[in-house]
Amino acid sequence: AEERSYEYLISPRKDPFYKDSAHYIRFPLDLDQMNSAAE
């Protein structure tokens, strides 16, 4: 294997359809800062 890829799902609200498939985070997220850190 040369590369592996993952994704992580976050639900910004309580959603019964994501209860087993995404992480619920109720706080606002600054994606610009998160992408700066990811770089």
Full PDB file with SEQRES, HELIX, SHEET, SSBOND, CRYST1, ORIGX, SCALE, CONECT and MASTER records, all heavy atoms in Angstrom:
SEQRES   1 A   39  ALA GLU GLU ARG SER TYR GLU TYR LEU ILE SER PRO ARG          
SEQRES   2 A   39  LYS ASP PRO PHE TYR LYS ASP SER ALA HIS TYR ILE ARG          
SEQRES   3 A   39  PHE PRO LEU ASP LEU ASP GLN MET ASN SER ALA ALA GLU          
HELIX    1 AA1 PRO A   16  TYR A   18  5                                   3    
HELIX    2 AA2 LEU A   31  ALA A   38  1                                   8    
SHEET    1 AA1 2 ILE A  10  SER A  11  0                                        
SHEET    2 AA1 2 HIS A  23  TYR A  24  1                                        
CRYST1    1.000    1.000    1.000  90.00  90.00  90.00 P 1           1          
ORIGX1      1.000000  0.000000  0.000000        0.00000                         
ORIGX2      0.000000  1.000000  0.000000        0.00000                         
ORIGX3      0.000000  0.000000  1.000000        0.00000                         
SCALE1      1.000000  0.000000  0.000000        0.00000                         
SCALE2      0.000000  1.000000  0.000000        0.00000                         
SCALE3      0.000000  0.000000  1.000000        0.00000                         
ATOM      1  N   ALA A   1       0.842  -1.203   0.000  1.00  0.00           N  
ATOM      2  CA  ALA A   1       0.000   0.000   0.000  1.00  0.00           C  
ATOM      3  C   ALA A   1       0.875   1.250   0.000  1.00  0.00           C  
ATOM      4  O   ALA A   1       1.792   1.375   0.815  1.00  0.00           O  
ATOM      5  CB  ALA A   1      -0.922  -0.003   1.210  1.00  0.00           C  
ATOM      6  N   GLU A   2       0.599   2.164  -0.917  1.00  0.00           N  
ATOM      7  CA  GLU A   2       1.384   3.392  -1.040  1.00  0.00           C  
ATOM      8  C   GLU A   2       0.763   4.569  -0.286  1.00  0.00           C  
ATOM      9  O   GLU A   2       1.479   5.449   0.196  1.00  0.00           O  
ATOM     10  CB  GLU A   2       1.539   3.768  -2.512  1.00  0.00           C  
ATOM     11  CG  GLU A   2       2.319   2.766  -3.322  1.00  0.00           C  
ATOM     12  CD  GLU A   2       2.448   3.166  -4.769  1.00  0.00           C  
ATOM     13  OE1 GLU A   2       1.483   3.752  -5.323  1.00  0.00           O  
ATOM     14  OE2 GLU A   2       3.511   2.907  -5.369  1.00  0.00           O  
ATOM     15  N   GLU A   3      -0.541   4.594  -0.207  1.00  0.00           N  
ATOM     16  CA  GLU A   3      -1.257   5.666   0.483  1.00  0.00           C  
ATOM     17  C   GLU A   3      -2.512   5.112   1.131  1.00  0.00           C  
ATOM     18  O   GLU A   3      -3.119   4.165   0.629  1.00  0.00           O  
ATOM     19  CB  GLU A   3      -1.695   6.778  -0.490  1.00  0.00           C  
ATOM     20  CG  GLU A   3      -0.608   7.677  -0.984  1.00  0.00           C  
ATOM     21  CD  GLU A   3      -1.172   8.799  -1.840  1.00  0.00           C  
ATOM     22  OE1 GLU A   3      -2.404   8.867  -2.028  1.00  0.00           O  
ATOM     23  OE2 GLU A   3      -0.369   9.608  -2.348  1.00  0.00           O  
ATOM     24  N   ARG A   4      -2.869   5.729   2.244  1.00  0.00           N  
ATOM     25  CA  ARG A   4      -4.138   5.434   2.898  1.00  0.00           C  
ATOM     26  C   ARG A   4      -4.832   6.751   3.191  1.00  0.00           C  
ATOM     27  O   ARG A   4      -4.165   7.742   3.514  1.00  0.00           O  
ATOM     28  CB  ARG A   4      -3.913   4.652   4.198  1.00  0.00           C  
ATOM     29  CG  ARG A   4      -3.291   3.277   3.986  1.00  0.00           C  
ATOM     30  CD  ARG A   4      -2.811   2.693   5.298  1.00  0.00           C  
ATOM     31  NE  ARG A   4      -2.337   1.323   5.147  1.00  0.00           N  
ATOM     32  CZ  ARG A   4      -1.126   0.972   4.768  1.00  0.00           C  
ATOM     33  NH1 ARG A   4      -0.228   1.910   4.483  1.00  0.00           N  
ATOM     34  NH2 ARG A   4      -0.778  -0.302   4.672  1.00  0.00           N  
ATOM     35  N   SER A   5      -6.142   6.758   3.076  1.00  0.00           N  
ATOM     36  CA  SER A   5      -6.908   7.976   3.346  1.00  0.00           C  
ATOM     37  C   SER A   5      -8.013   7.695   4.350  1.00  0.00           C  
ATOM     38  O   SER A   5      -8.646   6.629   4.309  1.00  0.00           O  
ATOM     39  CB  SER A   5      -7.531   8.528   2.055  1.00  0.00           C  
ATOM     40  OG  SER A   5      -6.532   8.918   1.138  1.00  0.00           O  
ATOM     41  N   TYR A   6      -8.228   8.663   5.234  1.00  0.00           N  
ATOM     42  CA  TYR A   6      -9.294   8.588   6.228  1.00  0.00           C  
ATOM     43  C   TYR A   6     -10.132   9.856   6.175  1.00  0.00           C  
ATOM     44  O   TYR A   6      -9.670  10.909   5.722  1.00  0.00           O  
ATOM     45  CB  TYR A   6      -8.717   8.474   7.648  1.00  0.00           C  
ATOM     46  CG  TYR A   6      -8.157   7.132   8.022  1.00  0.00           C  
ATOM     47  CD1 TYR A   6      -6.831   6.805   7.730  1.00  0.00           C  
ATOM     48  CD2 TYR A   6      -8.935   6.187   8.684  1.00  0.00           C  
ATOM     49  CE1 TYR A   6      -6.298   5.567   8.096  1.00  0.00           C  
ATOM     50  CE2 TYR A   6      -8.411   4.955   9.050  1.00  0.00           C  
ATOM     51  CZ  TYR A   6      -7.100   4.654   8.753  1.00  0.00           C  
ATOM     52  OH  TYR A   6      -6.579   3.426   9.115  1.00  0.00           O  
ATOM     53  N   GLU A   7     -11.355   9.735   6.655  1.00  0.00           N  
ATOM     54  CA  GLU A   7     -12.160  10.924   6.899  1.00  0.00           C  
ATOM     55  C   GLU A   7     -12.807  10.796   8.273  1.00  0.00           C  
ATOM     56  O   GLU A   7     -13.054   9.686   8.761  1.00  0.00           O  
ATOM     57  CB  GLU A   7     -13.210  11.141   5.811  1.00  0.00           C  
ATOM     58  CG  GLU A   7     -14.308  10.119   5.736  1.00  0.00           C  
ATOM     59  CD  GLU A   7     -15.272  10.400   4.583  1.00  0.00           C  
ATOM     60  OE1 GLU A   7     -14.895  11.099   3.628  1.00  0.00           O  
ATOM     61  OE2 GLU A   7     -16.407   9.891   4.645  1.00  0.00           O  
ATOM     62  N   TYR A   8     -13.037  11.970   8.877  1.00  0.00           N  
ATOM     63  CA  TYR A   8     -13.701  12.006  10.183  1.00  0.00           C  
ATOM     64  C   TYR A   8     -14.888  12.937  10.094  1.00  0.00           C  
ATOM     65  O   TYR A   8     -14.765  14.068   9.601  1.00  0.00           O  
ATOM     66  CB  TYR A   8     -12.741  12.467  11.285  1.00  0.00           C  
ATOM     67  CG  TYR A   8     -13.283  12.156  12.664  1.00  0.00           C  
ATOM     68  CD1 TYR A   8     -13.032  10.936  13.262  1.00  0.00           C  
ATOM     69  CD2 TYR A   8     -14.109  13.067  13.331  1.00  0.00           C  
ATOM     70  CE1 TYR A   8     -13.571  10.618  14.514  1.00  0.00           C  
ATOM     71  CE2 TYR A   8     -14.655  12.756  14.575  1.00  0.00           C  
ATOM     72  CZ  TYR A   8     -14.388  11.534  15.154  1.00  0.00           C  
ATOM     73  OH  TYR A   8     -14.930  11.223  16.372  1.00  0.00           O  
ATOM     74  N   LEU A   9     -16.055  12.480  10.568  1.00  0.00           N  
ATOM     75  CA  LEU A   9     -17.292  13.231  10.453  1.00  0.00           C  
ATOM     76  C   LEU A   9     -17.698  13.819  11.794  1.00  0.00           C  
ATOM     77  O   LEU A   9     -17.692  13.120  12.815  1.00  0.00           O  
ATOM     78  CB  LEU A   9     -18.427  12.343   9.935  1.00  0.00           C  
ATOM     79  CG  LEU A   9     -18.186  11.573   8.626  1.00  0.00           C  
ATOM     80  CD1 LEU A   9     -19.466  10.858   8.205  1.00  0.00           C  
ATOM     81  CD2 LEU A   9     -17.690  12.487   7.531  1.00  0.00           C  
ATOM     82  N   ILE A  10     -18.072  15.094  11.762  1.00  0.00           N  
ATOM     83  CA  ILE A  10     -18.541  15.790  12.961  1.00  0.00           C  
ATOM     84  C   ILE A  10     -19.889  16.415  12.662  1.00  0.00           C  
ATOM     85  O   ILE A  10     -20.053  17.126  11.655  1.00  0.00           O  
ATOM     86  CB  ILE A  10     -17.537  16.865  13.403  1.00  0.00           C  
ATOM     87  CG1 ILE A  10     -16.258  16.196  13.917  1.00  0.00           C  
ATOM     88  CG2 ILE A  10     -18.144  17.777  14.479  1.00  0.00           C  
ATOM     89  CD1 ILE A  10     -15.175  17.167  14.291  1.00  0.00           C  
ATOM     90  N   SER A  11     -20.856  16.150  13.528  1.00  0.00           N  
ATOM     91  CA  SER A  11     -22.174  16.767  13.405  1.00  0.00           C  
ATOM     92  C   SER A  11     -22.239  17.970  14.344  1.00  0.00           C  
ATOM     93  O   SER A  11     -21.961  17.840  15.539  1.00  0.00           O  
ATOM     94  CB  SER A  11     -23.274  15.772  13.768  1.00  0.00           C  
ATOM     95  OG  SER A  11     -24.539  16.401  13.746  1.00  0.00           O  
ATOM     96  N   PRO A  12     -22.585  19.153  13.829  1.00  0.00           N  
ATOM     97  CA  PRO A  12     -22.638  20.352  14.673  1.00  0.00           C  
ATOM     98  C   PRO A  12     -23.924  20.452  15.499  1.00  0.00           C  
ATOM     99  O   PRO A  12     -24.122  21.425  16.219  1.00  0.00           O  
ATOM    100  CB  PRO A  12     -22.545  21.486  13.656  1.00  0.00           C  
ATOM    101  CG  PRO A  12     -23.177  20.935  12.418  1.00  0.00           C  
ATOM    102  CD  PRO A  12     -22.837  19.463  12.406  1.00  0.00           C  
ATOM    103  N   ARG A  13     -24.783  19.475  15.370  1.00  0.00           N  
ATOM    104  CA  ARG A  13     -26.027  19.469  16.141  1.00  0.00           C  
ATOM    105  C   ARG A  13     -26.371  18.020  16.489  1.00  0.00           C  
ATOM    106  O   ARG A  13     -25.894  17.082  15.837  1.00  0.00           O  
ATOM    107  CB  ARG A  13     -27.167  20.084  15.333  1.00  0.00           C  
ATOM    108  CG  ARG A  13     -27.519  19.303  14.083  1.00  0.00           C  
ATOM    109  CD  ARG A  13     -28.548  20.002  13.220  1.00  0.00           C  
ATOM    110  NE  ARG A  13     -28.895  19.225  12.056  1.00  0.00           N  
ATOM    111  CZ  ARG A  13     -28.168  19.154  10.958  1.00  0.00           C  
ATOM    112  NH1 ARG A  13     -27.032  19.827  10.871  1.00  0.00           N  
ATOM    113  NH2 ARG A  13     -28.556  18.420   9.932  1.00  0.00           N  
ATOM    114  N   LYS A  14     -27.199  17.865  17.517  1.00  0.00           N  
ATOM    115  CA  LYS A  14     -27.639  16.517  17.862  1.00  0.00           C  
ATOM    116  C   LYS A  14     -28.540  15.990  16.762  1.00  0.00           C  
ATOM    117  O   LYS A  14     -29.534  16.613  16.406  1.00  0.00           O  
ATOM    118  CB  LYS A  14     -28.402  16.529  19.193  1.00  0.00           C  
ATOM    119  CG  LYS A  14     -28.824  15.152  19.651  1.00  0.00           C  
ATOM    120  CD  LYS A  14     -29.553  15.190  20.978  1.00  0.00           C  
ATOM    121  CE  LYS A  14     -29.970  13.785  21.403  1.00  0.00           C  
ATOM    122  NZ  LYS A  14     -30.708  13.773  22.678  1.00  0.00           N  
ATOM    123  N   ASP A  15     -28.133  14.857  16.184  1.00  0.00           N  
ATOM    124  CA  ASP A  15     -28.848  14.302  15.041  1.00  0.00           C  
ATOM    125  C   ASP A  15     -28.942  12.793  15.218  1.00  0.00           C  
ATOM    126  O   ASP A  15     -27.918  12.101  15.196  1.00  0.00           O  
ATOM    127  CB  ASP A  15     -28.106  14.647  13.745  1.00  0.00           C  
ATOM    128  CG  ASP A  15     -28.874  14.266  12.495  1.00  0.00           C  
ATOM    129  OD1 ASP A  15     -29.649  13.294  12.548  1.00  0.00           O  
ATOM    130  OD2 ASP A  15     -28.696  14.933  11.464  1.00  0.00           O  
ATOM    131  N   PRO A  16     -30.145  12.251  15.396  1.00  0.00           N  
ATOM    132  CA  PRO A  16     -30.277  10.803  15.621  1.00  0.00           C  
ATOM    133  C   PRO A  16     -29.756   9.956  14.472  1.00  0.00           C  
ATOM    134  O   PRO A  16     -29.387   8.797  14.673  1.00  0.00           O  
ATOM    135  CB  PRO A  16     -31.780  10.607  15.827  1.00  0.00           C  
ATOM    136  CG  PRO A  16     -32.432  11.805  15.222  1.00  0.00           C  
ATOM    137  CD  PRO A  16     -31.458  12.925  15.409  1.00  0.00           C  
ATOM    138  N   PHE A  17     -29.707  10.543  13.269  1.00  0.00           N  
ATOM    139  CA  PHE A  17     -29.240   9.776  12.115  1.00  0.00           C  
ATOM    140  C   PHE A  17     -27.715   9.691  12.048  1.00  0.00           C  
ATOM    141  O   PHE A  17     -27.157   8.946  11.251  1.00  0.00           O  
ATOM    142  CB  PHE A  17     -29.806  10.370  10.830  1.00  0.00           C  
ATOM    143  CG  PHE A  17     -31.304  10.304  10.766  1.00  0.00           C  
ATOM    144  CD1 PHE A  17     -32.073  11.443  10.987  1.00  0.00           C  
ATOM    145  CD2 PHE A  17     -31.956   9.110  10.532  1.00  0.00           C  
ATOM    146  CE1 PHE A  17     -33.455  11.392  10.954  1.00  0.00           C  
ATOM    147  CE2 PHE A  17     -33.344   9.042  10.499  1.00  0.00           C  
ATOM    148  CZ  PHE A  17     -34.093  10.190  10.719  1.00  0.00           C  
ATOM    149  N   TYR A  18     -27.037  10.461  12.891  1.00  0.00           N  
ATOM    150  CA  TYR A  18     -25.572  10.407  12.952  1.00  0.00           C  
ATOM    151  C   TYR A  18     -25.071   9.859  14.290  1.00  0.00           C  
ATOM    152  O   TYR A  18     -23.878   9.906  14.558  1.00  0.00           O  
ATOM    153  CB  TYR A  18     -24.977  11.797  12.727  1.00  0.00           C  
ATOM    154  CG  TYR A  18     -24.963  12.244  11.287  1.00  0.00           C  
ATOM    155  CD1 TYR A  18     -25.660  13.370  10.880  1.00  0.00           C  
ATOM    156  CD2 TYR A  18     -24.228  11.547  10.325  1.00  0.00           C  
ATOM    157  CE1 TYR A  18     -25.651  13.791   9.554  1.00  0.00           C  
ATOM    158  CE2 TYR A  18     -24.204  11.952   9.006  1.00  0.00           C  
ATOM    159  CZ  TYR A  18     -24.925  13.081   8.622  1.00  0.00           C  
ATOM    160  OH  TYR A  18     -24.890  13.485   7.318  1.00  0.00           O  
ATOM    161  N   LYS A  19     -25.973   9.341  15.107  1.00  0.00           N  
ATOM    162  CA  LYS A  19     -25.561   8.944  16.468  1.00  0.00           C  
ATOM    163  C   LYS A  19     -24.498   7.851  16.463  1.00  0.00           C  
ATOM    164  O   LYS A  19     -23.682   7.781  17.395  1.00  0.00           O  
ATOM    165  CB  LYS A  19     -26.780   8.507  17.282  1.00  0.00           C  
ATOM    166  CG  LYS A  19     -27.414   7.190  16.860  1.00  0.00           C  
ATOM    167  CD  LYS A  19     -28.621   6.872  17.739  1.00  0.00           C  
ATOM    168  CE  LYS A  19     -29.229   5.531  17.360  1.00  0.00           C  
ATOM    169  NZ  LYS A  19     -28.350   4.396  17.705  1.00  0.00           N  
ATOM    170  N   ASP A  20     -24.460   7.007  15.441  1.00  0.00           N  
ATOM    171  CA  ASP A  20     -23.467   5.933  15.364  1.00  0.00           C  
ATOM    172  C   ASP A  20     -22.417   6.164  14.289  1.00  0.00           C  
ATOM    173  O   ASP A  20     -21.576   5.294  14.045  1.00  0.00           O  
ATOM    174  CB  ASP A  20     -24.152   4.589  15.093  1.00  0.00           C  
ATOM    175  CG  ASP A  20     -25.035   4.151  16.243  1.00  0.00           C  
ATOM    176  OD1 ASP A  20     -24.672   4.406  17.406  1.00  0.00           O  
ATOM    177  OD2 ASP A  20     -26.098   3.552  15.974  1.00  0.00           O  
ATOM    178  N   SER A  21     -22.476   7.319  13.618  1.00  0.00           N  
ATOM    179  CA  SER A  21     -21.597   7.503  12.464  1.00  0.00           C  
ATOM    180  C   SER A  21     -20.872   8.844  12.427  1.00  0.00           C  
ATOM    181  O   SER A  21     -20.124   9.106  11.490  1.00  0.00           O  
ATOM    182  CB  SER A  21     -22.406   7.347  11.166  1.00  0.00           C  
ATOM    183  OG  SER A  21     -23.493   8.258  11.139  1.00  0.00           O  
ATOM    184  N   ALA A  22     -21.092   9.693  13.427  1.00  0.00           N  
ATOM    185  CA  ALA A  22     -20.408  10.988  13.482  1.00  0.00           C  
ATOM    186  C   ALA A  22     -20.305  11.434  14.930  1.00  0.00           C  
ATOM    187  O   ALA A  22     -21.089  11.009  15.799  1.00  0.00           O  
ATOM    188  CB  ALA A  22     -21.151  12.034  12.657  1.00  0.00           C  
ATOM    189  N   HIS A  23     -19.357  12.298  15.201  1.00  0.00           N  
ATOM    190  CA  HIS A  23     -19.124  12.833  16.546  1.00  0.00           C  
ATOM    191  C   HIS A  23     -19.847  14.177  16.672  1.00  0.00           C  
ATOM    192  O   HIS A  23     -19.662  15.076  15.843  1.00  0.00           O  
ATOM    193  CB  HIS A  23     -17.625  13.014  16.762  1.00  0.00           C  
ATOM    194  CG  HIS A  23     -17.247  13.539  18.112  1.00  0.00           C  
ATOM    195  ND1 HIS A  23     -17.962  13.263  19.260  1.00  0.00           N  
ATOM    196  CD2 HIS A  23     -16.206  14.337  18.497  1.00  0.00           C  
ATOM    197  CE1 HIS A  23     -17.376  13.853  20.288  1.00  0.00           C  
ATOM    198  NE2 HIS A  23     -16.323  14.515  19.850  1.00  0.00           N  
ATOM    199  N   TYR A  24     -20.674  14.291  17.690  1.00  0.00           N  
ATOM    200  CA  TYR A  24     -21.446  15.516  17.907  1.00  0.00           C  
ATOM    201  C   TYR A  24     -20.613  16.533  18.698  1.00  0.00           C  
ATOM    202  O   TYR A  24     -20.156  16.248  19.805  1.00  0.00           O  
ATOM    203  CB  TYR A  24     -22.729  15.177  18.655  1.00  0.00           C  
ATOM    204  CG  TYR A  24     -23.485  16.347  19.248  1.00  0.00           C  
ATOM    205  CD1 TYR A  24     -23.703  17.515  18.509  1.00  0.00           C  
ATOM    206  CD2 TYR A  24     -24.005  16.275  20.532  1.00  0.00           C  
ATOM    207  CE1 TYR A  24     -24.405  18.585  19.058  1.00  0.00           C  
ATOM    208  CE2 TYR A  24     -24.718  17.327  21.089  1.00  0.00           C  
ATOM    209  CZ  TYR A  24     -24.902  18.483  20.348  1.00  0.00           C  
ATOM    210  OH  TYR A  24     -25.591  19.536  20.893  1.00  0.00           O  
ATOM    211  N   ILE A  25     -20.399  17.712  18.110  1.00  0.00           N  
ATOM    212  CA  ILE A  25     -19.696  18.821  18.766  1.00  0.00           C  
ATOM    213  C   ILE A  25     -20.614  20.039  18.733  1.00  0.00           C  
ATOM    214  O   ILE A  25     -20.944  20.549  17.652  1.00  0.00           O  
ATOM    215  CB  ILE A  25     -18.377  19.171  18.043  1.00  0.00           C  
ATOM    216  CG1 ILE A  25     -17.383  18.017  18.119  1.00  0.00           C  
ATOM    217  CG2 ILE A  25     -17.760  20.444  18.636  1.00  0.00           C  
ATOM    218  CD1 ILE A  25     -16.732  17.832  19.467  1.00  0.00           C  
ATOM    219  N   ARG A  26     -21.023  20.524  19.900  1.00  0.00           N  
ATOM    220  CA  ARG A  26     -21.984  21.624  19.931  1.00  0.00           C  
ATOM    221  C   ARG A  26     -21.323  23.001  19.857  1.00  0.00           C  
ATOM    222  O   ARG A  26     -21.994  23.996  19.601  1.00  0.00           O  
ATOM    223  CB  ARG A  26     -22.842  21.538  21.192  1.00  0.00           C  
ATOM    224  CG  ARG A  26     -22.111  21.745  22.494  1.00  0.00           C  
ATOM    225  CD  ARG A  26     -23.045  21.544  23.679  1.00  0.00           C  
ATOM    226  NE  ARG A  26     -22.391  21.733  24.966  1.00  0.00           N  
ATOM    227  CZ  ARG A  26     -22.309  22.903  25.590  1.00  0.00           C  
ATOM    228  NH1 ARG A  26     -22.811  23.980  25.033  1.00  0.00           N  
ATOM    229  NH2 ARG A  26     -21.705  22.993  26.768  1.00  0.00           N  
ATOM    230  N   PHE A  27     -20.001  23.068  20.064  1.00  0.00           N  
ATOM    231  CA  PHE A  27     -19.319  24.356  20.055  1.00  0.00           C  
ATOM    232  C   PHE A  27     -19.023  24.811  18.622  1.00  0.00           C  
ATOM    233  O   PHE A  27     -18.725  23.977  17.759  1.00  0.00           O  
ATOM    234  CB  PHE A  27     -18.004  24.270  20.842  1.00  0.00           C  
ATOM    235  CG  PHE A  27     -18.188  23.825  22.261  1.00  0.00           C  
ATOM    236  CD1 PHE A  27     -17.812  22.542  22.650  1.00  0.00           C  
ATOM    237  CD2 PHE A  27     -18.737  24.672  23.200  1.00  0.00           C  
ATOM    238  CE1 PHE A  27     -17.979  22.125  23.960  1.00  0.00           C  
ATOM    239  CE2 PHE A  27     -18.915  24.263  24.519  1.00  0.00           C  
ATOM    240  CZ  PHE A  27     -18.541  22.986  24.892  1.00  0.00           C  
ATOM    241  N   PRO A  28     -19.064  26.108  18.341  1.00  0.00           N  
ATOM    242  CA  PRO A  28     -18.692  26.603  17.011  1.00  0.00           C  
ATOM    243  C   PRO A  28     -17.224  26.268  16.714  1.00  0.00           C  
ATOM    244  O   PRO A  28     -16.382  26.308  17.620  1.00  0.00           O  
ATOM    245  CB  PRO A  28     -18.892  28.122  17.128  1.00  0.00           C  
ATOM    246  CG  PRO A  28     -19.804  28.315  18.284  1.00  0.00           C  
ATOM    247  CD  PRO A  28     -19.516  27.201  19.239  1.00  0.00           C  
ATOM    248  N   LEU A  29     -16.934  25.935  15.471  1.00  0.00           N  
ATOM    249  CA  LEU A  29     -15.576  25.575  15.069  1.00  0.00           C  
ATOM    250  C   LEU A  29     -15.048  26.561  14.036  1.00  0.00           C  
ATOM    251  O   LEU A  29     -15.743  26.876  13.064  1.00  0.00           O  
ATOM    252  CB  LEU A  29     -15.555  24.154  14.485  1.00  0.00           C  
ATOM    253  CG  LEU A  29     -15.963  23.016  15.426  1.00  0.00           C  
ATOM    254  CD1 LEU A  29     -16.041  21.698  14.662  1.00  0.00           C  
ATOM    255  CD2 LEU A  29     -14.990  22.898  16.595  1.00  0.00           C  
ATOM    256  N   ASP A  30     -13.823  27.018  14.235  1.00  0.00           N  
ATOM    257  CA  ASP A  30     -13.164  27.924  13.295  1.00  0.00           C  
ATOM    258  C   ASP A  30     -12.367  27.082  12.307  1.00  0.00           C  
ATOM    259  O   ASP A  30     -11.218  26.716  12.565  1.00  0.00           O  
ATOM    260  CB  ASP A  30     -12.248  28.882  14.058  1.00  0.00           C  
ATOM    261  CG  ASP A  30     -11.651  29.971  13.167  1.00  0.00           C  
ATOM    262  OD1 ASP A  30     -11.548  29.743  11.951  1.00  0.00           O  
ATOM    263  OD2 ASP A  30     -11.284  31.042  13.703  1.00  0.00           O  
ATOM    264  N   LEU A  31     -12.991  26.772  11.170  1.00  0.00           N  
ATOM    265  CA  LEU A  31     -12.340  25.900  10.197  1.00  0.00           C  
ATOM    266  C   LEU A  31     -11.119  26.533   9.565  1.00  0.00           C  
ATOM    267  O   LEU A  31     -10.185  25.824   9.164  1.00  0.00           O  
ATOM    268  CB  LEU A  31     -13.342  25.467   9.117  1.00  0.00           C  
ATOM    269  CG  LEU A  31     -13.976  24.081   9.330  1.00  0.00           C  
ATOM    270  CD1 LEU A  31     -14.757  24.048  10.622  1.00  0.00           C  
ATOM    271  CD2 LEU A  31     -14.859  23.703   8.159  1.00  0.00           C  
ATOM    272  N   ASP A  32     -11.081  27.847   9.465  1.00  0.00           N  
ATOM    273  CA  ASP A  32      -9.894  28.511   8.906  1.00  0.00           C  
ATOM    274  C   ASP A  32      -8.674  28.239   9.788  1.00  0.00           C  
ATOM    275  O   ASP A  32      -7.592  27.898   9.283  1.00  0.00           O  
ATOM    276  CB  ASP A  32     -10.125  30.016   8.779  1.00  0.00           C  
ATOM    277  CG  ASP A  32     -11.112  30.366   7.674  1.00  0.00           C  
ATOM    278  OD1 ASP A  32     -11.271  29.538   6.745  1.00  0.00           O  
ATOM    279  OD2 ASP A  32     -11.716  31.450   7.730  1.00  0.00           O  
ATOM    280  N   GLN A  33      -8.843  28.382  11.094  1.00  0.00           N  
ATOM    281  CA  GLN A  33      -7.738  28.099  12.009  1.00  0.00           C  
ATOM    282  C   GLN A  33      -7.389  26.609  12.007  1.00  0.00           C  
ATOM    283  O   GLN A  33      -6.211  26.229  12.071  1.00  0.00           O  
ATOM    284  CB  GLN A  33      -8.105  28.556  13.423  1.00  0.00           C  
ATOM    285  CG  GLN A  33      -8.070  30.051  13.624  1.00  0.00           C  
ATOM    286  CD  GLN A  33      -6.669  30.623  13.420  1.00  0.00           C  
ATOM    287  OE1 GLN A  33      -5.718  30.207  14.064  1.00  0.00           O  
ATOM    288  NE2 GLN A  33      -6.550  31.569  12.491  1.00  0.00           N  
ATOM    289  N   MET A  34      -8.402  25.775  11.918  1.00  0.00           N  
ATOM    290  CA  MET A  34      -8.157  24.330  11.902  1.00  0.00           C  
ATOM    291  C   MET A  34      -7.400  23.917  10.645  1.00  0.00           C  
ATOM    292  O   MET A  34      -6.518  23.045  10.693  1.00  0.00           O  
ATOM    293  CB  MET A  34      -9.488  23.578  12.013  1.00  0.00           C  
ATOM    294  CG  MET A  34     -10.149  23.761  13.392  1.00  0.00           C  
ATOM    295  SD  MET A  34     -11.911  23.373  13.409  1.00  0.00           S  
ATOM    296  CE  MET A  34     -11.870  21.584  13.295  1.00  0.00           C  
ATOM    297  N   ASN A  35      -7.708  24.540   9.524  1.00  0.00           N  
ATOM    298  CA  ASN A  35      -6.979  24.235   8.295  1.00  0.00           C  
ATOM    299  C   ASN A  35      -5.553  24.785   8.330  1.00  0.00           C  
ATOM    300  O   ASN A  35      -4.628  24.172   7.782  1.00  0.00           O  
ATOM    301  CB  ASN A  35      -7.734  24.768   7.077  1.00  0.00           C  
ATOM    302  CG  ASN A  35      -8.818  23.810   6.611  1.00  0.00           C  
ATOM    303  OD1 ASN A  35      -8.632  22.593   6.645  1.00  0.00           O  
ATOM    304  ND2 ASN A  35      -9.956  24.346   6.189  1.00  0.00           N  
ATOM    305  N   SER A  36      -5.364  25.930   8.979  1.00  0.00           N  
ATOM    306  CA  SER A  36      -4.006  26.457   9.141  1.00  0.00           C  
ATOM    307  C   SER A  36      -3.167  25.496   9.972  1.00  0.00           C  
ATOM    308  O   SER A  36      -1.992  25.241   9.665  1.00  0.00           O  
ATOM    309  CB  SER A  36      -4.040  27.832   9.813  1.00  0.00           C  
ATOM    310  OG  SER A  36      -4.662  28.786   8.976  1.00  0.00           O  
ATOM    311  N   ALA A  37      -3.772  24.964  11.015  1.00  0.00           N  
ATOM    312  CA  ALA A  37      -3.070  23.985  11.848  1.00  0.00           C  
ATOM    313  C   ALA A  37      -2.823  22.688  11.090  1.00  0.00           C  
ATOM    314  O   ALA A  37      -1.757  22.071  11.215  1.00  0.00           O  
ATOM    315  CB  ALA A  37      -3.874  23.715  13.114  1.00  0.00           C  
ATOM    316  N   ALA A  38      -3.797  22.259  10.293  1.00  0.00           N  
ATOM    317  CA  ALA A  38      -3.664  21.008   9.534  1.00  0.00           C  
ATOM    318  C   ALA A  38      -2.510  21.079   8.543  1.00  0.00           C  
ATOM    319  O   ALA A  38      -1.832  20.074   8.292  1.00  0.00           O  
ATOM    320  CB  ALA A  38      -4.969  20.699   8.808  1.00  0.00           C  
ATOM    321  N   GLU A  39      -2.250  22.259   7.986  1.00  0.00           N  
ATOM    322  CA  GLU A  39      -1.159  22.415   7.028  1.00  0.00           C  
ATOM    323  C   GLU A  39       0.202  22.140   7.657  1.00  0.00           C  
ATOM    324  O   GLU A  39       1.156  21.771   6.970  1.00  0.00           O  
ATOM    325  CB  GLU A  39      -1.185  23.823   6.424  1.00  0.00           C  
ATOM    326  CG  GLU A  39      -2.350  24.050   5.478  1.00  0.00           C  
ATOM    327  CD  GLU A  39      -2.381  25.470   4.927  1.00  0.00           C  
ATOM    328  OE1 GLU A  39      -1.465  26.255   5.279  1.00  0.00           O  
ATOM    329  OE2 GLU A  39      -3.301  25.779   4.159  1.00  0.00           O  
TER     330      GLU A  39                                                      
MASTER        0    0    0    2    2    0    0    6  329    1    0    3          
END                                                                             
